[in-house]
């Protein structure tokens, strides 16, 4: 009975854990697993964010994210479903409307 439960719950447990990660091929035979960004990301003067051992870089001009294990790269594009819903800025300006323009779900 224990083996039967393990066979039943093992794949279910794995299926619940997989949506929280992105698997992307790295240089060579290894794979890099990058966790999704939190719902809200707060950026300072530089557009870098560090989360779970990865560096994330926000490209403001084309509103996309890249990630790497090292700040010097190599950088990979982060899939859009892993983007934060909201980007906040600290120590930049006092415009309260600025965050609205950077939201993933914002439409004009």
PDB file of N, CA and C in Angstrom:
ATOM      1  N   UNK A   1       0.819  -1.196   0.000  1.00  0.00           N
ATOM      2  CA  UNK A   1       0.000   0.000   0.000  1.00  0.00           C
ATOM      3  C   UNK A   1       0.859   1.254   0.000  1.00  0.00           C
ATOM      4  N   UNK A   2       1.986   1.268   0.696  1.00  0.00           N
ATOM      5  CA  UNK A   2       2.861   2.428   0.759  1.00  0.00           C
ATOM      6  C   UNK A   2       3.442   2.723  -0.614  1.00  0.00           C
ATOM      7  N   UNK A   3       3.849   1.686  -1.338  1.00  0.00           N
ATOM      8  CA  UNK A   3       4.403   1.872  -2.682  1.00  0.00           C
ATOM      9  C   UNK A   3       3.335   2.456  -3.618  1.00  0.00           C
ATOM     10  N   UNK A   4       2.122   1.990  -3.470  1.00  0.00           N
ATOM     11  CA  UNK A   4       1.021   2.489  -4.290  1.00  0.00           C
ATOM     12  C   UNK A   4       0.789   3.983  -4.041  1.00  0.00           C
ATOM     13  N   UNK A   5       0.821   4.401  -2.777  1.00  0.00           N
ATOM     14  CA  UNK A   5       0.651   5.817  -2.436  1.00  0.00           C
ATOM     15  C   UNK A   5       1.783   6.657  -3.008  1.00  0.00           C
ATOM     16  N   UNK A   6       3.011   6.133  -2.926  1.00  0.00           N
ATOM     17  CA  UNK A   6       4.161   6.857  -3.439  1.00  0.00           C
ATOM     18  C   UNK A   6       4.037   7.053  -4.957  1.00  0.00           C
ATOM     19  N   UNK A   7       3.571   6.021  -5.642  1.00  0.00           N
ATOM     20  CA  UNK A   7       3.401   6.120  -7.086  1.00  0.00           C
ATOM     21  C   UNK A   7       2.283   7.109  -7.439  1.00  0.00           C
ATOM     22  N   UNK A   8       1.307   7.228  -6.586  1.00  0.00           N
ATOM     23  CA  UNK A   8       0.183   8.124  -6.826  1.00  0.00           C
ATOM     24  C   UNK A   8       0.531   9.570  -6.491  1.00  0.00           C
ATOM     25  N   UNK A   9       1.149   9.795  -5.332  1.00  0.00           N
ATOM     26  CA  UNK A   9       1.417  11.145  -4.865  1.00  0.00           C
ATOM     27  C   UNK A   9       2.728  11.732  -5.387  1.00  0.00           C
ATOM     28  N   UNK A  10       3.669  10.907  -5.779  1.00  0.00           N
ATOM     29  CA  UNK A  10       4.955  11.394  -6.294  1.00  0.00           C
ATOM     30  C   UNK A  10       4.792  12.302  -7.510  1.00  0.00           C
ATOM     31  N   UNK A  11       4.117  11.850  -8.583  1.00  0.00           N
ATOM     32  CA  UNK A  11       3.913  12.718  -9.755  1.00  0.00           C
ATOM     33  C   UNK A  11       3.053  13.944  -9.436  1.00  0.00           C
ATOM     34  N   UNK A  12       2.098  13.808  -8.550  1.00  0.00           N
ATOM     35  CA  UNK A  12       1.267  14.943  -8.168  1.00  0.00           C
ATOM     36  C   UNK A  12       2.108  16.011  -7.475  1.00  0.00           C
ATOM     37  N   UNK A  13       2.968  15.584  -6.562  1.00  0.00           N
ATOM     38  CA  UNK A  13       3.858  16.503  -5.862  1.00  0.00           C
ATOM     39  C   UNK A  13       4.800  17.202  -6.844  1.00  0.00           C
ATOM     40  N   UNK A  14       5.364  16.459  -7.774  1.00  0.00           N
ATOM     41  CA  UNK A  14       6.262  17.042  -8.783  1.00  0.00           C
ATOM     42  C   UNK A  14       5.515  18.044  -9.661  1.00  0.00           C
ATOM     43  N   UNK A  15       4.292  17.738 -10.031  1.00  0.00           N
ATOM     44  CA  UNK A  15       3.510  18.644 -10.862  1.00  0.00           C
ATOM     45  C   UNK A  15       3.217  19.958 -10.141  1.00  0.00           C
ATOM     46  N   UNK A  16       3.054  19.909  -8.843  1.00  0.00           N
ATOM     47  CA  UNK A  16       2.801  21.134  -8.087  1.00  0.00           C
ATOM     48  C   UNK A  16       4.056  21.986  -7.940  1.00  0.00           C
ATOM     49  N   UNK A  17       5.221  21.380  -7.927  1.00  0.00           N
ATOM     50  CA  UNK A  17       6.469  22.122  -7.771  1.00  0.00           C
ATOM     51  C   UNK A  17       6.975  22.720  -9.077  1.00  0.00           C
ATOM     52  N   UNK A  18       6.752  22.089 -10.191  1.00  0.00           N
ATOM     53  CA  UNK A  18       7.309  22.535 -11.466  1.00  0.00           C
ATOM     54  C   UNK A  18       6.854  23.911 -11.935  1.00  0.00           C
ATOM     55  N   UNK A  19       5.617  24.343 -11.734  1.00  0.00           N
ATOM     56  CA  UNK A  19       5.231  25.672 -12.225  1.00  0.00           C
ATOM     57  C   UNK A  19       6.001  26.814 -11.576  1.00  0.00           C
ATOM     58  N   UNK A  20       6.682  26.590 -10.486  1.00  0.00           N
ATOM     59  CA  UNK A  20       7.431  27.647  -9.815  1.00  0.00           C
ATOM     60  C   UNK A  20       8.816  27.865 -10.379  1.00  0.00           C
ATOM     61  N   UNK A  21       9.218  27.118 -11.393  1.00  0.00           N
ATOM     62  CA  UNK A  21      10.573  27.231 -11.939  1.00  0.00           C
ATOM     63  C   UNK A  21      10.546  27.269 -13.459  1.00  0.00           C
ATOM     64  N   UNK A  22      11.609  27.826 -14.007  1.00  0.00           N
ATOM     65  CA  UNK A  22      11.823  27.832 -15.450  1.00  0.00           C
ATOM     66  C   UNK A  22      13.083  27.036 -15.698  1.00  0.00           C
ATOM     67  N   UNK A  23      13.040  26.108 -16.615  1.00  0.00           N
ATOM     68  CA  UNK A  23      14.242  25.370 -16.972  1.00  0.00           C
ATOM     69  C   UNK A  23      14.700  25.884 -18.321  1.00  0.00           C
ATOM     70  N   UNK A  24      15.944  26.333 -18.363  1.00  0.00           N
ATOM     71  CA  UNK A  24      16.497  26.902 -19.581  1.00  0.00           C
ATOM     72  C   UNK A  24      17.879  26.321 -19.819  1.00  0.00           C
ATOM     73  N   UNK A  25      18.184  25.914 -21.054  1.00  0.00           N
ATOM     74  CA  UNK A  25      19.508  25.359 -21.296  1.00  0.00           C
ATOM     75  C   UNK A  25      20.592  26.407 -21.111  1.00  0.00           C
ATOM     76  N   UNK A  26      21.675  26.020 -20.481  1.00  0.00           N
ATOM     77  CA  UNK A  26      22.827  26.900 -20.292  1.00  0.00           C
ATOM     78  C   UNK A  26      23.878  26.527 -21.327  1.00  0.00           C
ATOM     79  N   UNK A  27      25.001  27.187 -21.275  1.00  0.00           N
ATOM     80  CA  UNK A  27      26.099  26.810 -22.138  1.00  0.00           C
ATOM     81  C   UNK A  27      26.617  25.455 -21.684  1.00  0.00           C
ATOM     82  N   UNK A  28      26.690  24.517 -22.584  1.00  0.00           N
ATOM     83  CA  UNK A  28      27.135  23.180 -22.227  1.00  0.00           C
ATOM     84  C   UNK A  28      25.953  22.294 -21.905  1.00  0.00           C
ATOM     85  N   UNK A  29      26.206  21.136 -21.311  1.00  0.00           N
ATOM     86  CA  UNK A  29      25.140  20.167 -21.071  1.00  0.00           C
ATOM     87  C   UNK A  29      24.299  20.451 -19.824  1.00  0.00           C
ATOM     88  N   UNK A  30      24.678  21.431 -19.022  1.00  0.00           N
ATOM     89  CA  UNK A  30      23.951  21.711 -17.784  1.00  0.00           C
ATOM     90  C   UNK A  30      22.692  22.526 -18.053  1.00  0.00           C
ATOM     91  N   UNK A  31      21.775  22.487 -17.089  1.00  0.00           N
ATOM     92  CA  UNK A  31      20.566  23.290 -17.161  1.00  0.00           C
ATOM     93  C   UNK A  31      20.535  24.261 -15.994  1.00  0.00           C
ATOM     94  N   UNK A  32      19.970  25.433 -16.238  1.00  0.00           N
ATOM     95  CA  UNK A  32      19.833  26.461 -15.209  1.00  0.00           C
ATOM     96  C   UNK A  32      18.359  26.566 -14.867  1.00  0.00           C
ATOM     97  N   UNK A  33      18.041  26.535 -13.586  1.00  0.00           N
ATOM     98  CA  UNK A  33      16.656  26.663 -13.137  1.00  0.00           C
ATOM     99  C   UNK A  33      16.503  28.041 -12.499  1.00  0.00           C
ATOM    100  N   UNK A  34      15.699  28.892 -13.125  1.00  0.00           N
ATOM    101  CA  UNK A  34      15.488  30.250 -12.631  1.00  0.00           C
ATOM    102  C   UNK A  34      14.094  30.360 -12.038  1.00  0.00           C
ATOM    103  N   UNK A  35      13.986  30.734 -10.768  1.00  0.00           N
ATOM    104  CA  UNK A  35      12.661  30.906 -10.179  1.00  0.00           C
ATOM    105  C   UNK A  35      11.937  32.116 -10.760  1.00  0.00           C
ATOM    106  N   UNK A  36      10.627  32.052 -10.759  1.00  0.00           N
ATOM    107  CA  UNK A  36       9.828  33.187 -11.215  1.00  0.00           C
ATOM    108  C   UNK A  36      10.002  34.354 -10.256  1.00  0.00           C
ATOM    109  N   UNK A  37       9.850  35.560 -10.785  1.00  0.00           N
ATOM    110  CA  UNK A  37       9.957  36.754  -9.950  1.00  0.00           C
ATOM    111  C   UNK A  37       8.726  36.884  -9.055  1.00  0.00           C
ATOM    112  N   UNK A  38       8.872  37.571  -7.917  1.00  0.00           N
ATOM    113  CA  UNK A  38       7.702  37.814  -7.064  1.00  0.00           C
ATOM    114  C   UNK A  38       6.664  38.680  -7.789  1.00  0.00           C
ATOM    115  N   UNK A  39       5.487  38.775  -7.241  1.00  0.00           N
ATOM    116  CA  UNK A  39       4.410  39.555  -7.847  1.00  0.00           C
ATOM    117  C   UNK A  39       4.809  41.026  -7.981  1.00  0.00           C
ATOM    118  N   UNK A  40       5.481  41.582  -6.970  1.00  0.00           N
ATOM    119  CA  UNK A  40       5.930  42.973  -6.996  1.00  0.00           C
ATOM    120  C   UNK A  40       7.444  43.016  -6.843  1.00  0.00           C
ATOM    121  N   UNK A  41       8.105  43.750  -7.738  1.00  0.00           N
ATOM    122  CA  UNK A  41       9.555  43.929  -7.695  1.00  0.00           C
ATOM    123  C   UNK A  41       9.834  45.406  -7.502  1.00  0.00           C
ATOM    124  N   UNK A  42      10.734  45.724  -6.591  1.00  0.00           N
ATOM    125  CA  UNK A  42      11.113  47.116  -6.352  1.00  0.00           C
ATOM    126  C   UNK A  42      12.555  47.314  -6.818  1.00  0.00           C
ATOM    127  N   UNK A  43      12.733  48.208  -7.789  1.00  0.00           N
ATOM    128  CA  UNK A  43      14.043  48.493  -8.350  1.00  0.00           C
ATOM    129  C   UNK A  43      14.571  49.807  -7.816  1.00  0.00           C
ATOM    130  N   UNK A  44      15.885  49.882  -7.673  1.00  0.00           N
ATOM    131  CA  UNK A  44      16.539  51.120  -7.261  1.00  0.00           C
ATOM    132  C   UNK A  44      16.966  51.906  -8.489  1.00  0.00           C
ATOM    133  N   UNK A  45      18.072  52.606  -8.377  1.00  0.00           N
ATOM    134  CA  UNK A  45      18.589  53.408  -9.487  1.00  0.00           C
ATOM    135  C   UNK A  45      18.989  52.506 -10.652  1.00  0.00           C
ATOM    136  N   UNK A  46      19.614  51.375 -10.348  1.00  0.00           N
ATOM    137  CA  UNK A  46      19.982  50.421 -11.399  1.00  0.00           C
ATOM    138  C   UNK A  46      18.868  49.390 -11.567  1.00  0.00           C
ATOM    139  N   UNK A  47      18.644  48.921 -12.787  1.00  0.00           N
ATOM    140  CA  UNK A  47      17.524  48.010 -13.037  1.00  0.00           C
ATOM    141  C   UNK A  47      17.829  46.540 -12.752  1.00  0.00           C
ATOM    142  N   UNK A  48      18.601  46.262 -11.687  1.00  0.00           N
ATOM    143  CA  UNK A  48      18.929  44.891 -11.299  1.00  0.00           C
ATOM    144  C   UNK A  48      18.092  44.474 -10.096  1.00  0.00           C
ATOM    145  N   UNK A  49      17.746  43.194 -10.066  1.00  0.00           N
ATOM    146  CA  UNK A  49      17.013  42.627  -8.941  1.00  0.00           C
ATOM    147  C   UNK A  49      17.625  41.259  -8.650  1.00  0.00           C
ATOM    148  N   UNK A  50      17.884  40.950  -7.395  1.00  0.00           N
ATOM    149  CA  UNK A  50      18.468  39.669  -7.004  1.00  0.00           C
ATOM    150  C   UNK A  50      17.417  38.868  -6.251  1.00  0.00           C
ATOM    151  N   UNK A  51      17.240  37.598  -6.670  1.00  0.00           N
ATOM    152  CA  UNK A  51      16.212  36.750  -6.068  1.00  0.00           C
ATOM    153  C   UNK A  51      16.645  35.291  -6.187  1.00  0.00           C
ATOM    154  N   UNK A  52      16.678  34.583  -5.067  1.00  0.00           N
ATOM    155  CA  UNK A  52      17.013  33.156  -5.020  1.00  0.00           C
ATOM    156  C   UNK A  52      18.303  32.800  -5.755  1.00  0.00           C
ATOM    157  N   UNK A  53      19.333  33.621  -5.609  1.00  0.00           N
ATOM    158  CA  UNK A  53      20.635  33.320  -6.210  1.00  0.00           C
ATOM    159  C   UNK A  53      20.764  33.681  -7.676  1.00  0.00           C
ATOM    160  N   UNK A  54      19.773  34.360  -8.236  1.00  0.00           N
ATOM    161  CA  UNK A  54      19.823  34.793  -9.632  1.00  0.00           C
ATOM    162  C   UNK A  54      19.781  36.307  -9.701  1.00  0.00           C
ATOM    163  N   UNK A  55      20.409  36.842 -10.720  1.00  0.00           N
ATOM    164  CA  UNK A  55      20.331  38.266 -11.022  1.00  0.00           C
ATOM    165  C   UNK A  55      19.319  38.441 -12.139  1.00  0.00           C
ATOM    166  N   UNK A  56      18.461  39.431 -11.985  1.00  0.00           N
ATOM    167  CA  UNK A  56      17.471  39.762 -13.002  1.00  0.00           C
ATOM    168  C   UNK A  56      17.731  41.197 -13.447  1.00  0.00           C
ATOM    169  N   UNK A  57      17.625  41.438 -14.745  1.00  0.00           N
ATOM    170  CA  UNK A  57      17.862  42.767 -15.303  1.00  0.00           C
ATOM    171  C   UNK A  57      16.624  43.194 -16.074  1.00  0.00           C
ATOM    172  N   UNK A  58      16.127  44.395 -15.765  1.00  0.00           N
ATOM    173  CA  UNK A  58      14.936  44.906 -16.436  1.00  0.00           C
ATOM    174  C   UNK A  58      15.348  45.871 -17.539  1.00  0.00           C
ATOM    175  N   UNK A  59      14.955  45.573 -18.770  1.00  0.00           N
ATOM    176  CA  UNK A  59      15.223  46.427 -19.931  1.00  0.00           C
ATOM    177  C   UNK A  59      14.031  47.380 -20.081  1.00  0.00           C
ATOM    178  N   UNK A  60      14.213  48.616 -19.641  1.00  0.00           N
ATOM    179  CA  UNK A  60      13.096  49.563 -19.594  1.00  0.00           C
ATOM    180  C   UNK A  60      12.561  49.929 -20.979  1.00  0.00           C
ATOM    181  N   UNK A  61      13.419  50.047 -21.952  1.00  0.00           N
ATOM    182  CA  UNK A  61      12.965  50.488 -23.285  1.00  0.00           C
ATOM    183  C   UNK A  61      11.981  49.522 -23.921  1.00  0.00           C
ATOM    184  N   UNK A  62      12.251  48.227 -23.815  1.00  0.00           N
ATOM    185  CA  UNK A  62      11.333  47.264 -24.434  1.00  0.00           C
ATOM    186  C   UNK A  62      10.599  46.403 -23.407  1.00  0.00           C
ATOM    187  N   UNK A  63      10.658  46.817 -22.143  1.00  0.00           N
ATOM    188  CA  UNK A  63       9.875  46.196 -21.058  1.00  0.00           C
ATOM    189  C   UNK A  63      10.028  44.672 -21.009  1.00  0.00           C
ATOM    190  N   UNK A  64      11.264  44.204 -20.963  1.00  0.00           N
ATOM    191  CA  UNK A  64      11.510  42.768 -20.863  1.00  0.00           C
ATOM    192  C   UNK A  64      12.541  42.506 -19.776  1.00  0.00           C
ATOM    193  N   UNK A  65      12.600  41.243 -19.331  1.00  0.00           N
ATOM    194  CA  UNK A  65      13.499  40.822 -18.259  1.00  0.00           C
ATOM    195  C   UNK A  65      14.483  39.787 -18.781  1.00  0.00           C
ATOM    196  N   UNK A  66      15.709  39.833 -18.244  1.00  0.00           N
ATOM    197  CA  UNK A  66      16.728  38.816 -18.483  1.00  0.00           C
ATOM    198  C   UNK A  66      17.198  38.311 -17.126  1.00  0.00           C
ATOM    199  N   UNK A  67      17.774  37.114 -17.094  1.00  0.00           N
ATOM    200  CA  UNK A  67      18.280  36.575 -15.833  1.00  0.00           C
ATOM    201  C   UNK A  67      19.612  35.870 -16.062  1.00  0.00           C
ATOM    202  N   UNK A  68      20.388  35.769 -14.969  1.00  0.00           N
ATOM    203  CA  UNK A  68      21.693  35.126 -15.010  1.00  0.00           C
ATOM    204  C   UNK A  68      22.088  34.725 -13.589  1.00  0.00           C
ATOM    205  N   UNK A  69      22.996  33.779 -13.486  1.00  0.00           N
ATOM    206  CA  UNK A  69      23.540  33.419 -12.171  1.00  0.00           C
ATOM    207  C   UNK A  69      24.600  34.420 -11.726  1.00  0.00           C
ATOM    208  N   UNK A  70      25.158  35.174 -12.663  1.00  0.00           N
ATOM    209  CA  UNK A  70      26.225  36.142 -12.385  1.00  0.00           C
ATOM    210  C   UNK A  70      25.836  37.479 -13.004  1.00  0.00           C
ATOM    211  N   UNK A  71      26.120  38.562 -12.299  1.00  0.00           N
ATOM    212  CA  UNK A  71      25.750  39.882 -12.817  1.00  0.00           C
ATOM    213  C   UNK A  71      26.452  40.193 -14.140  1.00  0.00           C
ATOM    214  N   UNK A  72      27.590  39.577 -14.370  1.00  0.00           N
ATOM    215  CA  UNK A  72      28.336  39.789 -15.610  1.00  0.00           C
ATOM    216  C   UNK A  72      27.799  38.940 -16.769  1.00  0.00           C
ATOM    217  N   UNK A  73      26.847  38.047 -16.501  1.00  0.00           N
ATOM    218  CA  UNK A  73      26.261  37.231 -17.559  1.00  0.00           C
ATOM    219  C   UNK A  73      26.861  35.848 -17.587  1.00  0.00           C
ATOM    220  N   UNK A  74      26.497  35.055 -18.551  1.00  0.00           N
ATOM    221  CA  UNK A  74      25.654  35.339 -19.703  1.00  0.00           C
ATOM    222  C   UNK A  74      24.178  35.458 -19.305  1.00  0.00           C
ATOM    223  N   UNK A  75      23.449  36.299 -20.029  1.00  0.00           N
ATOM    224  CA  UNK A  75      22.053  36.598 -19.739  1.00  0.00           C
ATOM    225  C   UNK A  75      21.137  35.819 -20.663  1.00  0.00           C
ATOM    226  N   UNK A  76      20.023  35.356 -20.121  1.00  0.00           N
ATOM    227  CA  UNK A  76      18.970  34.665 -20.867  1.00  0.00           C
ATOM    228  C   UNK A  76      17.684  35.456 -20.732  1.00  0.00           C
ATOM    229  N   UNK A  77      16.839  35.412 -21.754  1.00  0.00           N
ATOM    230  CA  UNK A  77      15.528  36.054 -21.668  1.00  0.00           C
ATOM    231  C   UNK A  77      14.635  35.267 -20.716  1.00  0.00           C
ATOM    232  N   UNK A  78      13.960  35.984 -19.850  1.00  0.00           N
ATOM    233  CA  UNK A  78      13.013  35.366 -18.925  1.00  0.00           C
ATOM    234  C   UNK A  78      11.661  35.249 -19.633  1.00  0.00           C
ATOM    235  N   UNK A  79      11.022  34.075 -19.603  1.00  0.00           N
ATOM    236  CA  UNK A  79       9.698  33.942 -20.222  1.00  0.00           C
ATOM    237  C   UNK A  79       8.699  34.926 -19.603  1.00  0.00           C
ATOM    238  N   UNK A  80       7.804  35.451 -20.431  1.00  0.00           N
ATOM    239  CA  UNK A  80       6.866  36.489 -19.991  1.00  0.00           C
ATOM    240  C   UNK A  80       5.959  36.036 -18.849  1.00  0.00           C
ATOM    241  N   UNK A  81       5.661  34.761 -18.775  1.00  0.00           N
ATOM    242  CA  UNK A  81       4.784  34.316 -17.683  1.00  0.00           C
ATOM    243  C   UNK A  81       5.498  34.335 -16.334  1.00  0.00           C
ATOM    244  N   UNK A  82       6.779  34.633 -16.314  1.00  0.00           N
ATOM    245  CA  UNK A  82       7.556  34.735 -15.079  1.00  0.00           C
ATOM    246  C   UNK A  82       7.812  36.179 -14.675  1.00  0.00           C
ATOM    247  N   UNK A  83       7.293  37.140 -15.432  1.00  0.00           N
ATOM    248  CA  UNK A  83       7.475  38.560 -15.117  1.00  0.00           C
ATOM    249  C   UNK A  83       6.668  38.923 -13.870  1.00  0.00           C
ATOM    250  N   UNK A  84       7.108  39.934 -13.146  1.00  0.00           N
ATOM    251  CA  UNK A  84       6.292  40.414 -12.021  1.00  0.00           C
ATOM    252  C   UNK A  84       5.071  41.158 -12.546  1.00  0.00           C
ATOM    253  N   UNK A  85       4.043  41.225 -11.758  1.00  0.00           N
ATOM    254  CA  UNK A  85       2.850  41.981 -12.159  1.00  0.00           C
ATOM    255  C   UNK A  85       3.075  43.479 -12.029  1.00  0.00           C
ATOM    256  N   UNK A  86       3.929  43.850 -11.073  1.00  0.00           N
ATOM    257  CA  UNK A  86       4.135  45.273 -10.794  1.00  0.00           C
ATOM    258  C   UNK A  86       5.617  45.551 -10.561  1.00  0.00           C
ATOM    259  N   UNK A  87       6.085  46.671 -11.088  1.00  0.00           N
ATOM    260  CA  UNK A  87       7.452  47.125 -10.859  1.00  0.00           C
ATOM    261  C   UNK A  87       7.377  48.466 -10.159  1.00  0.00           C
ATOM    262  N   UNK A  88       7.999  48.546  -9.007  1.00  0.00           N
ATOM    263  CA  UNK A  88       8.052  49.806  -8.255  1.00  0.00           C
ATOM    264  C   UNK A  88       9.480  50.325  -8.287  1.00  0.00           C
ATOM    265  N   UNK A  89       9.598  51.626  -8.118  1.00  0.00           N
ATOM    266  CA  UNK A  89      10.911  52.270  -8.119  1.00  0.00           C
ATOM    267  C   UNK A  89      11.114  53.002  -6.804  1.00  0.00           C
ATOM    268  N   UNK A  90      12.280  52.827  -6.216  1.00  0.00           N
ATOM    269  CA  UNK A  90      12.607  53.579  -5.011  1.00  0.00           C
ATOM    270  C   UNK A  90      13.749  54.535  -5.353  1.00  0.00           C
ATOM    271  N   UNK A  91      13.757  55.672  -4.699  1.00  0.00           N
ATOM    272  CA  UNK A  91      14.819  56.669  -4.875  1.00  0.00           C
ATOM    273  C   UNK A  91      14.985  57.132  -6.313  1.00  0.00           C
ATOM    274  N   UNK A  92      13.897  57.200  -7.082  1.00  0.00           N
ATOM    275  CA  UNK A  92      14.015  57.654  -8.467  1.00  0.00           C
ATOM    276  C   UNK A  92      13.324  58.981  -8.692  1.00  0.00           C
ATOM    277  N   UNK A  93      12.024  58.995  -8.514  1.00  0.00           N
ATOM    278  CA  UNK A  93      11.262  60.230  -8.660  1.00  0.00           C
ATOM    279  C   UNK A  93      10.020  60.169  -7.791  1.00  0.00           C
ATOM    280  N   UNK A  94       9.288  61.242  -7.751  1.00  0.00           N
ATOM    281  CA  UNK A  94       8.130  61.292  -6.864  1.00  0.00           C
ATOM    282  C   UNK A  94       6.807  61.160  -7.608  1.00  0.00           C
ATOM    283  N   UNK A  95       6.837  60.689  -8.859  1.00  0.00           N
ATOM    284  CA  UNK A  95       5.597  60.527  -9.625  1.00  0.00           C
ATOM    285  C   UNK A  95       4.896  59.251  -9.188  1.00  0.00           C
ATOM    286  N   UNK A  96       3.755  59.389  -8.569  1.00  0.00           N
ATOM    287  CA  UNK A  96       3.010  58.228  -8.105  1.00  0.00           C
ATOM    288  C   UNK A  96       2.452  57.396  -9.232  1.00  0.00           C
ATOM    289  N   UNK A  97       2.372  57.956 -10.440  1.00  0.00           N
ATOM    290  CA  UNK A  97       1.791  57.275 -11.586  1.00  0.00           C
ATOM    291  C   UNK A  97       2.820  56.423 -12.325  1.00  0.00           C
ATOM    292  N   UNK A  98       4.074  56.516 -11.972  1.00  0.00           N
ATOM    293  CA  UNK A  98       5.142  55.829 -12.705  1.00  0.00           C
ATOM    294  C   UNK A  98       4.959  54.312 -12.703  1.00  0.00           C
ATOM    295  N   UNK A  99       4.560  53.743 -11.567  1.00  0.00           N
ATOM    296  CA  UNK A  99       4.398  52.295 -11.482  1.00  0.00           C
ATOM    297  C   UNK A  99       3.329  51.785 -12.447  1.00  0.00           C
ATOM    298  N   UNK A 100       2.311  52.556 -12.672  1.00  0.00           N
ATOM    299  CA  UNK A 100       1.217  52.140 -13.537  1.00  0.00           C
ATOM    300  C   UNK A 100       1.701  51.844 -14.949  1.00  0.00           C
ATOM    301  N   UNK A 101       2.669  52.605 -15.432  1.00  0.00           N
ATOM    302  CA  UNK A 101       3.184  52.413 -16.790  1.00  0.00           C
ATOM    303  C   UNK A 101       4.051  51.167 -16.913  1.00  0.00           C
ATOM    304  N   UNK A 102       4.522  50.627 -15.820  1.00  0.00           N
ATOM    305  CA  UNK A 102       5.428  49.484 -15.855  1.00  0.00           C
ATOM    306  C   UNK A 102       4.735  48.168 -15.505  1.00  0.00           C
ATOM    307  N   UNK A 103       3.458  48.200 -15.194  1.00  0.00           N
ATOM    308  CA  UNK A 103       2.745  46.991 -14.834  1.00  0.00           C
ATOM    309  C   UNK A 103       2.613  46.063 -16.039  1.00  0.00           C
ATOM    310  N   UNK A 104       2.771  44.772 -15.812  1.00  0.00           N
ATOM    311  CA  UNK A 104       2.675  43.777 -16.883  1.00  0.00           C
ATOM    312  C   UNK A 104       1.288  43.781 -17.518  1.00  0.00           C
ATOM    313  N   UNK A 105       0.263  43.962 -16.714  1.00  0.00           N
ATOM    314  CA  UNK A 105      -1.102  43.858 -17.194  1.00  0.00           C
ATOM    315  C   UNK A 105      -1.702  45.186 -17.643  1.00  0.00           C
ATOM    316  N   UNK A 106      -0.905  46.262 -17.583  1.00  0.00           N
ATOM    317  CA  UNK A 106      -1.415  47.588 -17.948  1.00  0.00           C
ATOM    318  C   UNK A 106      -1.631  47.694 -19.454  1.00  0.00           C
ATOM    319  N   UNK A 107      -2.763  48.176 -19.856  1.00  0.00           N
ATOM    320  CA  UNK A 107      -3.087  48.399 -21.270  1.00  0.00           C
ATOM    321  C   UNK A 107      -3.591  49.820 -21.435  1.00  0.00           C
ATOM    322  N   UNK A 108      -3.123  50.513 -22.457  1.00  0.00           N
ATOM    323  CA  UNK A 108      -3.616  51.879 -22.761  1.00  0.00           C
ATOM    324  C   UNK A 108      -4.909  51.844 -23.519  1.00  0.00           C
TER     325      UNK A 108
END
